[in-house]
Amino acid sequence: MNFASVTIDQLNAASSPNFNAANFGVVKMSHDGKVTGYNENQEKHTGMSKSAVLGKHFFTQVAPCTNNFMVAQKFENERTLDAKIPYTFTLKMAPTPVTLRMLKDDQNQYLLCDW
């Protein structure tokens, strides 16, 4: 998987081992924001384990620093989405610049993090 070119269809078809092979963070969410997938790269960079975040609301319980118009609101407002933005994570770590890629379709939504 490549951060810039992976498609939402490829993500939807991927299994956990495929997510773990990615050299970027993958957060898979239901449309109501509950975390349903979380890869090892994301665990490594955030210090939050997969078991600690699965089933939790990403924008309010896992990464409230993303509960804003640039990230959470984009997922809420758009029926389908494929957008990339520069961002800085600030929760539970020193300010950390990343590139986020937000993808959404009728099945799932994903937040990809290029650390």
C-alpha atoms as a PDB file:
ATOM      1  CA  MET A   1       0.000   0.000   0.000  1.00  0.00           C
ATOM      2  CA  ASN A   2       1.152   3.491  -0.834  1.00  0.00           C
ATOM      3  CA  PHE A   3      -0.083   6.501   1.178  1.00  0.00           C
ATOM      4  CA  ALA A   4      -0.655   8.717  -1.862  1.00  0.00           C
ATOM      5  CA  SER A   5      -2.210   6.177  -4.203  1.00  0.00           C
ATOM      6  CA  VAL A   6      -4.085   3.566  -2.146  1.00  0.00           C
ATOM      7  CA  THR A   7      -7.790   3.603  -2.993  1.00  0.00           C
ATOM      8  CA  ILE A   8     -10.720   3.201  -0.666  1.00  0.00           C
ATOM      9  CA  ASP A   9     -11.657   0.000  -2.524  1.00  0.00           C
ATOM     10  CA  GLN A  10      -8.195  -1.412  -1.736  1.00  0.00           C
ATOM     11  CA  LEU A  11      -8.571  -0.392   1.915  1.00  0.00           C
ATOM     12  CA  ASN A  12     -12.040  -1.954   2.156  1.00  0.00           C
ATOM     13  CA  ALA A  13     -10.677  -5.214   0.695  1.00  0.00           C
ATOM     14  CA  ALA A  14      -7.585  -5.271   2.947  1.00  0.00           C
ATOM     15  CA  SER A  15      -7.202  -7.384   6.066  1.00  0.00           C
ATOM     16  CA  SER A  16      -5.332  -6.505   9.275  1.00  0.00           C
ATOM     17  CA  PRO A  17      -2.036  -8.001   8.002  1.00  0.00           C
ATOM     18  CA  ASN A  18      -2.277  -5.725   4.942  1.00  0.00           C
ATOM     19  CA  PHE A  19      -2.861  -2.703   7.188  1.00  0.00           C
ATOM     20  CA  ASN A  20       0.148  -3.676   9.292  1.00  0.00           C
ATOM     21  CA  ALA A  21       2.363  -3.887   6.199  1.00  0.00           C
ATOM     22  CA  ALA A  22       1.622  -0.230   5.400  1.00  0.00           C
ATOM     23  CA  ASN A  23       4.404   2.259   6.163  1.00  0.00           C
ATOM     24  CA  PHE A  24       1.802   4.812   7.291  1.00  0.00           C
ATOM     25  CA  GLY A  25      -0.851   4.888   9.992  1.00  0.00           C
ATOM     26  CA  VAL A  26      -4.295   3.480   9.209  1.00  0.00           C
ATOM     27  CA  VAL A  27      -7.383   4.204  11.293  1.00  0.00           C
ATOM     28  CA  LYS A  28     -10.528   2.524   9.979  1.00  0.00           C
ATOM     29  CA  MET A  29     -13.831   3.890  11.293  1.00  0.00           C
ATOM     30  CA  SER A  30     -17.530   3.299  10.995  1.00  0.00           C
ATOM     31  CA  HIS A  31     -19.571   6.261   9.793  1.00  0.00           C
ATOM     32  CA  ASP A  32     -20.395   7.118  13.412  1.00  0.00           C
ATOM     33  CA  GLY A  33     -16.670   7.529  14.165  1.00  0.00           C
ATOM     34  CA  LYS A  34     -16.077   4.256  16.047  1.00  0.00           C
ATOM     35  CA  VAL A  35     -12.626   2.755  15.444  1.00  0.00           C
ATOM     36  CA  THR A  36     -12.908  -0.644  13.725  1.00  0.00           C
ATOM     37  CA  GLY A  37      -9.285  -1.006  12.579  1.00  0.00           C
ATOM     38  CA  TYR A  38      -5.938   0.399  13.719  1.00  0.00           C
ATOM     39  CA  ASN A  39      -2.562  -0.647  12.384  1.00  0.00           C
ATOM     40  CA  GLU A  40       0.829  -1.197  14.027  1.00  0.00           C
ATOM     41  CA  ASN A  41       2.336   1.926  12.445  1.00  0.00           C
ATOM     42  CA  GLN A  42      -0.337   4.057  14.103  1.00  0.00           C
ATOM     43  CA  GLU A  43       0.255   2.266  17.426  1.00  0.00           C
ATOM     44  CA  LYS A  44       4.001   2.895  17.202  1.00  0.00           C
ATOM     45  CA  HIS A  45       3.665   6.626  16.547  1.00  0.00           C
ATOM     46  CA  THR A  46       0.838   7.397  18.973  1.00  0.00           C
ATOM     47  CA  GLY A  47       1.707   5.032  21.802  1.00  0.00           C
ATOM     48  CA  MET A  48      -1.940   3.901  21.878  1.00  0.00           C
ATOM     49  CA  SER A  49      -2.547   0.185  21.418  1.00  0.00           C
ATOM     50  CA  LYS A  50      -5.097  -1.265  19.053  1.00  0.00           C
ATOM     51  CA  SER A  51      -6.931  -2.889  21.962  1.00  0.00           C
ATOM     52  CA  ALA A  52      -7.193   0.486  23.717  1.00  0.00           C
ATOM     53  CA  VAL A  53      -8.805   2.263  20.751  1.00  0.00           C
ATOM     54  CA  LEU A  54     -11.016  -0.358  19.047  1.00  0.00           C
ATOM     55  CA  GLY A  55     -14.687   0.448  19.559  1.00  0.00           C
ATOM     56  CA  LYS A  56     -13.987   3.954  20.837  1.00  0.00           C
ATOM     57  CA  HIS A  57     -15.119   7.143  19.127  1.00  0.00           C
ATOM     58  CA  PHE A  58     -12.034   8.396  17.328  1.00  0.00           C
ATOM     59  CA  PHE A  59     -12.792  12.121  17.395  1.00  0.00           C
ATOM     60  CA  THR A  60     -13.860  12.373  21.041  1.00  0.00           C
ATOM     61  CA  GLN A  61     -12.156   9.481  22.847  1.00  0.00           C
ATOM     62  CA  VAL A  62      -9.005   8.633  20.885  1.00  0.00           C
ATOM     63  CA  ALA A  63      -7.801  11.831  19.202  1.00  0.00           C
ATOM     64  CA  PRO A  64      -9.925  14.793  20.314  1.00  0.00           C
ATOM     65  CA  CYS A  65      -7.336  17.086  18.697  1.00  0.00           C
ATOM     66  CA  THR A  66      -8.956  16.037  15.378  1.00  0.00           C
ATOM     67  CA  ASN A  67     -12.488  16.940  16.490  1.00  0.00           C
ATOM     68  CA  ASN A  68     -12.571  20.116  14.414  1.00  0.00           C
ATOM     69  CA  PHE A  69     -13.625  21.549  11.060  1.00  0.00           C
ATOM     70  CA  MET A  70     -10.480  20.328   9.290  1.00  0.00           C
ATOM     71  CA  VAL A  71     -10.901  16.627  10.100  1.00  0.00           C
ATOM     72  CA  ALA A  72     -14.045  15.416  11.923  1.00  0.00           C
ATOM     73  CA  GLN A  73     -16.332  17.922  10.215  1.00  0.00           C
ATOM     74  CA  LYS A  74     -15.058  16.889   6.773  1.00  0.00           C
ATOM     75  CA  PHE A  75     -16.040  13.286   7.475  1.00  0.00           C
ATOM     76  CA  GLU A  76     -19.430  14.406   8.759  1.00  0.00           C
ATOM     77  CA  ASN A  77     -20.211  16.771   5.881  1.00  0.00           C
ATOM     78  CA  GLU A  78     -19.100  14.682   2.903  1.00  0.00           C
ATOM     79  CA  ARG A  79     -20.855  11.598   1.543  1.00  0.00           C
ATOM     80  CA  THR A  80     -17.643  10.497  -0.188  1.00  0.00           C
ATOM     81  CA  LEU A  81     -14.201  11.871   0.510  1.00  0.00           C
ATOM     82  CA  ASP A  82     -10.586  11.662  -0.601  1.00  0.00           C
ATOM     83  CA  ALA A  83      -8.667  14.649   0.752  1.00  0.00           C
ATOM     84  CA  LYS A  84      -5.110  15.222   1.918  1.00  0.00           C
ATOM     85  CA  ILE A  85      -4.064  17.936   4.403  1.00  0.00           C
ATOM     86  CA  PRO A  86      -1.015  18.900   6.444  1.00  0.00           C
ATOM     87  CA  TYR A  87      -1.833  18.580  10.144  1.00  0.00           C
ATOM     88  CA  THR A  88      -0.231  18.647  13.597  1.00  0.00           C
ATOM     89  CA  PHE A  89      -1.173  16.094  16.244  1.00  0.00           C
ATOM     90  CA  THR A  90      -0.988  17.539  19.752  1.00  0.00           C
ATOM     91  CA  LEU A  91      -2.614  14.989  22.060  1.00  0.00           C
ATOM     92  CA  LYS A  92      -0.467  12.660  24.211  1.00  0.00           C
ATOM     93  CA  MET A  93       2.698  13.675  22.346  1.00  0.00           C
ATOM     94  CA  ALA A  94       4.804  16.667  21.485  1.00  0.00           C
ATOM     95  CA  PRO A  95       3.324  18.602  18.546  1.00  0.00           C
ATOM     96  CA  THR A  96       3.905  16.239  15.642  1.00  0.00           C
ATOM     97  CA  PRO A  97       3.476  17.348  12.016  1.00  0.00           C
ATOM     98  CA  VAL A  98       1.904  14.742   9.731  1.00  0.00           C
ATOM     99  CA  THR A  99       0.055  14.548   6.459  1.00  0.00           C
ATOM    100  CA  LEU A 100      -3.469  13.206   6.814  1.00  0.00           C
ATOM    101  CA  ARG A 101      -5.454  11.551   4.075  1.00  0.00           C
ATOM    102  CA  MET A 102      -9.176  11.226   4.703  1.00  0.00           C
ATOM    103  CA  LEU A 103     -11.163   8.685   2.696  1.00  0.00           C
ATOM    104  CA  LYS A 104     -14.849   7.841   2.933  1.00  0.00           C
ATOM    105  CA  ASP A 105     -17.386   5.854   0.938  1.00  0.00           C
ATOM    106  CA  ASP A 106     -20.750   4.216   1.623  1.00  0.00           C
ATOM    107  CA  GLN A 107     -19.088   1.445   3.692  1.00  0.00           C
ATOM    108  CA  ASN A 108     -16.285   2.927   5.813  1.00  0.00           C
ATOM    109  CA  GLN A 109     -14.109   5.907   6.483  1.00  0.00           C
ATOM    110  CA  TYR A 110     -10.335   5.967   6.945  1.00  0.00           C
ATOM    111  CA  LEU A 111      -7.817   8.375   8.357  1.00  0.00           C
ATOM    112  CA  LEU A 112      -4.347   7.676   6.971  1.00  0.00           C
ATOM    113  CA  CYS A 113      -1.350   9.282   8.696  1.00  0.00           C
ATOM    114  CA  ASP A 114       1.939   9.827   6.915  1.00  0.00           C
ATOM    115  CA  TRP A 115       4.394  10.302   9.780  1.00  0.00           C
END
